[in-house]
Amino acid sequence: MSEIDISLEGEVALYFQSLGINNGPGDLQYRLIIRVLAENEGHVTMFADIRAYTDQIADRGSVGSKIKVIFLLSGLVEKVHRGGYVITDKGLAAARFIETSTKFYRKSMQIDGIVERMP
C-alpha cells in the first residue's frame, strides 16, 4: 500500500472547510478512510489498516462509528467479516471524487501562488 500523506489530506480538508464544505472533501477522517479503502481495491481492507492512519488524528470510537454510519449505510463499503471491509463501485466513485478534490486543491494553491507574485 502506498503511503497516504496525512498532512496534505489535512490541508485539503481545511481548504474545503474554509469554503463551507464540512462533509466529504472537508472531513479529514472521511478522506483518510476512503483513500485507504481505495488503495486496497479488490481486496479486504482490515479495520487495523484504516486505524493506522486515523489514530493519528481521531478518537478511537469515532472512526468505527463513522464507518458504520456513513460508509456502510451509504453503500460505500461492504462488511465481509468482523473488521474486514471491501470497497464498492459507489465507494470507488467517492474515492475518485476525493482524489479529484486533492488535484483541485493543488491547482488552486498553484494559481494563488502565481497571483500573489503578480505586481
N, C-alpha and C. Protein backbone atom coordinates (compact mmCIF):
# COMPACT_ATOMS: atom_id res chain seq x y z
N MET A 1 0.85 -1.18 0.00
CA MET A 1 0.00 0.00 0.00
C MET A 1 0.89 1.24 0.00
N SER A 2 0.60 2.19 -0.85
CA SER A 2 1.38 3.42 -0.87
C SER A 2 1.04 4.28 0.34
N GLU A 3 1.96 5.12 0.68
CA GLU A 3 1.79 5.97 1.87
C GLU A 3 0.83 7.12 1.56
N ILE A 4 -0.11 7.35 2.44
CA ILE A 4 -1.06 8.45 2.30
C ILE A 4 -0.53 9.60 3.13
N ASP A 5 -0.44 10.77 2.52
CA ASP A 5 0.11 11.96 3.19
C ASP A 5 -0.99 12.59 4.05
N ILE A 6 -0.92 12.34 5.34
CA ILE A 6 -1.95 12.83 6.26
C ILE A 6 -1.95 14.35 6.34
N SER A 7 -0.76 14.96 6.30
CA SER A 7 -0.71 16.42 6.40
C SER A 7 -1.33 17.07 5.16
N LEU A 8 -1.08 16.52 3.97
CA LEU A 8 -1.70 17.05 2.76
C LEU A 8 -3.21 16.88 2.82
N GLU A 9 -3.65 15.71 3.23
CA GLU A 9 -5.09 15.48 3.34
C GLU A 9 -5.72 16.46 4.34
N GLY A 10 -4.99 16.77 5.41
CA GLY A 10 -5.47 17.75 6.39
C GLY A 10 -5.59 19.14 5.79
N GLU A 11 -4.59 19.53 4.99
CA GLU A 11 -4.63 20.84 4.33
C GLU A 11 -5.81 20.92 3.37
N VAL A 12 -6.03 19.86 2.61
CA VAL A 12 -7.13 19.85 1.65
C VAL A 12 -8.47 19.93 2.38
N ALA A 13 -8.59 19.17 3.47
CA ALA A 13 -9.83 19.20 4.26
C ALA A 13 -10.09 20.61 4.81
N LEU A 14 -9.05 21.25 5.33
CA LEU A 14 -9.20 22.62 5.85
C LEU A 14 -9.59 23.59 4.75
N TYR A 15 -9.02 23.42 3.57
CA TYR A 15 -9.36 24.28 2.43
C TYR A 15 -10.85 24.17 2.11
N PHE A 16 -11.35 22.94 2.02
CA PHE A 16 -12.77 22.77 1.71
C PHE A 16 -13.66 23.23 2.85
N GLN A 17 -13.20 23.08 4.09
CA GLN A 17 -13.96 23.62 5.22
C GLN A 17 -14.05 25.13 5.13
N SER A 18 -12.98 25.78 4.66
CA SER A 18 -13.00 27.24 4.52
C SER A 18 -14.00 27.68 3.45
N LEU A 19 -14.34 26.77 2.55
CA LEU A 19 -15.34 27.05 1.52
C LEU A 19 -16.75 26.68 1.99
N GLY A 20 -16.85 26.18 3.23
CA GLY A 20 -18.15 25.81 3.79
C GLY A 20 -18.54 24.37 3.52
N ILE A 21 -17.59 23.56 3.05
CA ILE A 21 -17.86 22.14 2.77
C ILE A 21 -17.25 21.33 3.90
N ASN A 22 -18.07 20.92 4.84
CA ASN A 22 -17.57 20.22 6.02
C ASN A 22 -17.65 18.71 5.92
N ASN A 23 -18.46 18.19 5.02
CA ASN A 23 -18.59 16.74 4.83
C ASN A 23 -17.87 16.34 3.55
N GLY A 24 -17.56 15.07 3.42
CA GLY A 24 -16.89 14.59 2.22
C GLY A 24 -15.50 15.17 2.11
N PRO A 25 -15.25 16.04 1.13
CA PRO A 25 -13.90 16.56 0.94
C PRO A 25 -13.40 17.40 2.12
N GLY A 26 -14.29 17.93 2.93
CA GLY A 26 -13.89 18.74 4.07
C GLY A 26 -13.74 17.96 5.36
N ASP A 27 -13.92 16.65 5.32
CA ASP A 27 -13.85 15.80 6.51
C ASP A 27 -12.59 14.94 6.42
N LEU A 28 -11.62 15.23 7.27
CA LEU A 28 -10.33 14.54 7.21
C LEU A 28 -10.48 13.04 7.45
N GLN A 29 -11.29 12.64 8.41
CA GLN A 29 -11.48 11.21 8.66
C GLN A 29 -12.05 10.52 7.42
N TYR A 30 -13.04 11.14 6.81
CA TYR A 30 -13.65 10.58 5.60
C TYR A 30 -12.60 10.42 4.51
N ARG A 31 -11.79 11.45 4.32
CA ARG A 31 -10.76 11.42 3.28
C ARG A 31 -9.79 10.27 3.51
N LEU A 32 -9.34 10.12 4.75
CA LEU A 32 -8.37 9.06 5.04
C LEU A 32 -8.98 7.67 4.88
N ILE A 33 -10.19 7.49 5.39
CA ILE A 33 -10.83 6.18 5.31
C ILE A 33 -11.05 5.78 3.86
N ILE A 34 -11.58 6.67 3.06
CA ILE A 34 -11.89 6.33 1.66
C ILE A 34 -10.61 6.10 0.87
N ARG A 35 -9.54 6.84 1.18
CA ARG A 35 -8.25 6.63 0.49
C ARG A 35 -7.66 5.26 0.83
N VAL A 36 -7.72 4.86 2.10
CA VAL A 36 -7.20 3.54 2.49
C VAL A 36 -8.01 2.44 1.82
N LEU A 37 -9.33 2.58 1.81
CA LEU A 37 -10.18 1.57 1.17
C LEU A 37 -9.89 1.48 -0.33
N ALA A 38 -9.69 2.61 -0.99
CA ALA A 38 -9.42 2.62 -2.42
C ALA A 38 -8.05 2.01 -2.73
N GLU A 39 -7.08 2.20 -1.84
CA GLU A 39 -5.76 1.61 -2.04
C GLU A 39 -5.85 0.09 -2.07
N ASN A 40 -6.80 -0.48 -1.37
CA ASN A 40 -6.97 -1.93 -1.29
C ASN A 40 -8.10 -2.43 -2.20
N GLU A 41 -8.36 -1.72 -3.27
CA GLU A 41 -9.44 -2.11 -4.17
C GLU A 41 -9.28 -3.57 -4.60
N GLY A 42 -10.36 -4.32 -4.50
CA GLY A 42 -10.34 -5.72 -4.88
C GLY A 42 -9.87 -6.65 -3.77
N HIS A 43 -9.46 -6.09 -2.65
CA HIS A 43 -9.00 -6.88 -1.51
C HIS A 43 -9.77 -6.44 -0.27
N VAL A 44 -9.72 -7.27 0.75
CA VAL A 44 -10.35 -6.93 2.02
C VAL A 44 -9.45 -5.95 2.77
N THR A 45 -10.03 -4.84 3.19
CA THR A 45 -9.31 -3.86 4.00
C THR A 45 -9.66 -4.11 5.45
N MET A 46 -8.66 -4.34 6.24
CA MET A 46 -8.88 -4.59 7.66
C MET A 46 -9.02 -3.26 8.40
N PHE A 47 -9.82 -3.28 9.45
CA PHE A 47 -10.04 -2.09 10.26
C PHE A 47 -8.71 -1.56 10.80
N ALA A 48 -7.77 -2.45 11.10
CA ALA A 48 -6.45 -2.04 11.60
C ALA A 48 -5.69 -1.23 10.55
N ASP A 49 -5.89 -1.54 9.26
CA ASP A 49 -5.24 -0.76 8.19
C ASP A 49 -5.75 0.67 8.19
N ILE A 50 -7.04 0.82 8.40
CA ILE A 50 -7.65 2.16 8.45
C ILE A 50 -7.17 2.89 9.69
N ARG A 51 -7.14 2.20 10.81
CA ARG A 51 -6.74 2.81 12.08
C ARG A 51 -5.29 3.26 12.07
N ALA A 52 -4.45 2.64 11.26
CA ALA A 52 -3.05 3.05 11.18
C ALA A 52 -2.93 4.51 10.78
N TYR A 53 -3.89 5.00 9.99
CA TYR A 53 -3.89 6.40 9.57
C TYR A 53 -4.75 7.27 10.48
N THR A 54 -5.93 6.78 10.82
CA THR A 54 -6.88 7.63 11.54
C THR A 54 -6.54 7.82 13.01
N ASP A 55 -5.80 6.89 13.62
CA ASP A 55 -5.44 7.04 15.03
C ASP A 55 -4.60 8.28 15.28
N GLN A 56 -3.92 8.76 14.25
CA GLN A 56 -3.07 9.93 14.40
C GLN A 56 -3.87 11.23 14.51
N ILE A 57 -5.14 11.19 14.08
CA ILE A 57 -5.92 12.43 14.05
C ILE A 57 -7.28 12.34 14.73
N ALA A 58 -7.70 11.14 15.14
CA ALA A 58 -9.08 11.00 15.62
C ALA A 58 -9.15 10.12 16.87
N ASP A 59 -10.26 10.27 17.59
CA ASP A 59 -10.54 9.39 18.72
C ASP A 59 -10.86 8.00 18.20
N ARG A 60 -10.58 7.01 19.02
CA ARG A 60 -10.77 5.62 18.61
C ARG A 60 -12.21 5.30 18.22
N GLY A 61 -13.17 5.66 19.02
CA GLY A 61 -14.56 5.30 18.75
C GLY A 61 -15.16 6.01 17.57
N SER A 62 -14.67 7.18 17.24
CA SER A 62 -15.27 7.96 16.17
C SER A 62 -15.08 7.32 14.80
N VAL A 63 -13.97 6.62 14.61
CA VAL A 63 -13.69 6.02 13.31
C VAL A 63 -14.63 4.84 13.04
N GLY A 64 -14.79 3.98 14.03
CA GLY A 64 -15.69 2.84 13.87
C GLY A 64 -17.12 3.26 13.63
N SER A 65 -17.57 4.27 14.35
CA SER A 65 -18.95 4.73 14.16
C SER A 65 -19.11 5.41 12.81
N LYS A 66 -18.07 6.09 12.33
CA LYS A 66 -18.15 6.74 11.02
C LYS A 66 -18.26 5.68 9.92
N ILE A 67 -17.51 4.59 10.06
CA ILE A 67 -17.60 3.52 9.07
C ILE A 67 -19.00 2.93 9.07
N LYS A 68 -19.56 2.71 10.24
CA LYS A 68 -20.90 2.13 10.33
C LYS A 68 -21.96 3.08 9.78
N VAL A 69 -21.91 4.32 10.22
CA VAL A 69 -22.97 5.27 9.89
C VAL A 69 -22.85 5.78 8.45
N ILE A 70 -21.68 6.17 8.04
CA ILE A 70 -21.53 6.80 6.73
C ILE A 70 -21.21 5.78 5.64
N PHE A 71 -20.20 4.98 5.85
CA PHE A 71 -19.72 4.11 4.78
C PHE A 71 -20.62 2.90 4.53
N LEU A 72 -21.05 2.22 5.58
CA LEU A 72 -21.90 1.04 5.39
C LEU A 72 -23.32 1.42 4.97
N LEU A 73 -23.91 2.40 5.64
CA LEU A 73 -25.29 2.78 5.31
C LEU A 73 -25.41 3.45 3.95
N SER A 74 -24.35 4.11 3.51
CA SER A 74 -24.36 4.76 2.20
C SER A 74 -24.00 3.80 1.07
N GLY A 75 -23.57 2.61 1.42
CA GLY A 75 -23.21 1.63 0.40
C GLY A 75 -21.83 1.84 -0.20
N LEU A 76 -20.96 2.56 0.51
CA LEU A 76 -19.61 2.79 0.00
C LEU A 76 -18.71 1.58 0.24
N VAL A 77 -19.02 0.80 1.27
CA VAL A 77 -18.27 -0.42 1.57
C VAL A 77 -19.25 -1.53 1.94
N GLU A 78 -18.75 -2.75 1.87
CA GLU A 78 -19.49 -3.90 2.36
C GLU A 78 -18.65 -4.58 3.42
N LYS A 79 -19.29 -4.98 4.49
CA LYS A 79 -18.58 -5.70 5.54
C LYS A 79 -18.57 -7.17 5.16
N VAL A 80 -17.36 -7.75 5.08
CA VAL A 80 -17.26 -9.15 4.67
C VAL A 80 -17.05 -10.08 5.86
N HIS A 81 -16.45 -9.57 6.91
CA HIS A 81 -16.30 -10.30 8.17
C HIS A 81 -15.92 -9.29 9.24
N ARG A 82 -15.81 -9.77 10.46
CA ARG A 82 -15.52 -8.85 11.57
C ARG A 82 -14.21 -8.11 11.31
N GLY A 83 -14.30 -6.80 11.16
CA GLY A 83 -13.12 -5.97 10.94
C GLY A 83 -12.63 -5.95 9.51
N GLY A 84 -13.37 -6.55 8.58
CA GLY A 84 -12.95 -6.58 7.18
C GLY A 84 -13.97 -5.92 6.27
N TYR A 85 -13.50 -5.04 5.40
CA TYR A 85 -14.39 -4.28 4.52
C TYR A 85 -13.86 -4.33 3.09
N VAL A 86 -14.79 -4.31 2.13
CA VAL A 86 -14.45 -4.25 0.72
C VAL A 86 -15.14 -3.02 0.14
N ILE A 87 -14.40 -2.22 -0.61
CA ILE A 87 -14.98 -1.01 -1.20
C ILE A 87 -15.88 -1.41 -2.38
N THR A 88 -16.99 -0.72 -2.52
CA THR A 88 -17.94 -0.98 -3.61
C THR A 88 -17.66 -0.03 -4.77
N ASP A 89 -18.39 -0.21 -5.87
CA ASP A 89 -18.25 0.70 -7.01
C ASP A 89 -18.63 2.13 -6.60
N LYS A 90 -19.65 2.25 -5.78
CA LYS A 90 -20.06 3.56 -5.28
C LYS A 90 -18.94 4.17 -4.44
N GLY A 91 -18.27 3.35 -3.65
CA GLY A 91 -17.14 3.81 -2.85
C GLY A 91 -15.97 4.24 -3.72
N LEU A 92 -15.74 3.51 -4.82
CA LEU A 92 -14.66 3.88 -5.74
C LEU A 92 -14.95 5.22 -6.41
N ALA A 93 -16.23 5.47 -6.72
CA ALA A 93 -16.60 6.78 -7.28
C ALA A 93 -16.33 7.88 -6.27
N ALA A 94 -16.63 7.62 -5.00
CA ALA A 94 -16.35 8.60 -3.95
C ALA A 94 -14.85 8.82 -3.80
N ALA A 95 -14.08 7.75 -3.91
CA ALA A 95 -12.62 7.86 -3.81
C ALA A 95 -12.05 8.68 -4.96
N ARG A 96 -12.59 8.48 -6.17
CA ARG A 96 -12.14 9.28 -7.32
C ARG A 96 -12.47 10.75 -7.10
N PHE A 97 -13.64 11.02 -6.53
CA PHE A 97 -14.02 12.40 -6.23
C PHE A 97 -13.05 13.03 -5.23
N ILE A 98 -12.67 12.27 -4.20
CA ILE A 98 -11.72 12.78 -3.20
C ILE A 98 -10.37 13.04 -3.86
N GLU A 99 -9.93 12.16 -4.73
CA GLU A 99 -8.66 12.36 -5.44
C GLU A 99 -8.73 13.59 -6.33
N THR A 100 -9.86 13.78 -7.00
CA THR A 100 -10.04 14.97 -7.84
C THR A 100 -10.04 16.23 -7.00
N SER A 101 -10.62 16.17 -5.81
CA SER A 101 -10.63 17.35 -4.93
C SER A 101 -9.21 17.71 -4.48
N THR A 102 -8.36 16.70 -4.31
CA THR A 102 -6.95 16.96 -3.96
C THR A 102 -6.25 17.65 -5.13
N LYS A 103 -6.49 17.18 -6.34
CA LYS A 103 -5.89 17.80 -7.53
C LYS A 103 -6.37 19.24 -7.67
N PHE A 104 -7.66 19.47 -7.42
CA PHE A 104 -8.21 20.82 -7.48
C PHE A 104 -7.52 21.72 -6.46
N TYR A 105 -7.32 21.22 -5.25
CA TYR A 105 -6.64 21.99 -4.20
C TYR A 105 -5.23 22.37 -4.64
N ARG A 106 -4.49 21.41 -5.17
CA ARG A 106 -3.11 21.70 -5.61
C ARG A 106 -3.10 22.76 -6.70
N LYS A 107 -4.01 22.64 -7.67
CA LYS A 107 -4.09 23.60 -8.76
C LYS A 107 -4.49 24.98 -8.23
N SER A 108 -5.42 25.02 -7.31
CA SER A 108 -5.87 26.27 -6.71
C SER A 108 -4.73 26.96 -5.97
N MET A 109 -3.96 26.19 -5.22
CA MET A 109 -2.82 26.76 -4.48
C MET A 109 -1.74 27.25 -5.43
N GLN A 110 -1.56 26.53 -6.54
CA GLN A 110 -0.58 26.95 -7.54
C GLN A 110 -1.01 28.28 -8.17
N ILE A 111 -2.27 28.42 -8.49
CA ILE A 111 -2.78 29.67 -9.07
C ILE A 111 -2.70 30.79 -8.04
N ASP A 112 -3.03 30.52 -6.78
CA ASP A 112 -2.90 31.53 -5.72
C ASP A 112 -1.47 32.02 -5.61
N GLY A 113 -0.51 31.11 -5.72
CA GLY A 113 0.90 31.48 -5.66
C GLY A 113 1.30 32.39 -6.81
N ILE A 114 0.78 32.11 -8.00
CA ILE A 114 1.07 32.94 -9.17
C ILE A 114 0.46 34.32 -8.99
N VAL A 115 -0.78 34.38 -8.53
CA VAL A 115 -1.47 35.66 -8.34
C VAL A 115 -0.75 36.50 -7.29
N GLU A 116 -0.27 35.88 -6.21
CA GLU A 116 0.42 36.62 -5.16
C GLU A 116 1.74 37.22 -5.65
N ARG A 117 2.37 36.59 -6.62
CA ARG A 117 3.64 37.11 -7.14
C ARG A 117 3.46 38.21 -8.16
N MET A 118 2.24 38.43 -8.62
CA MET A 118 1.98 39.48 -9.61
C MET A 118 2.13 40.85 -8.96
N PRO A 119 2.70 41.79 -9.70
CA PRO A 119 2.84 43.15 -9.14
C PRO A 119 1.53 43.89 -9.04
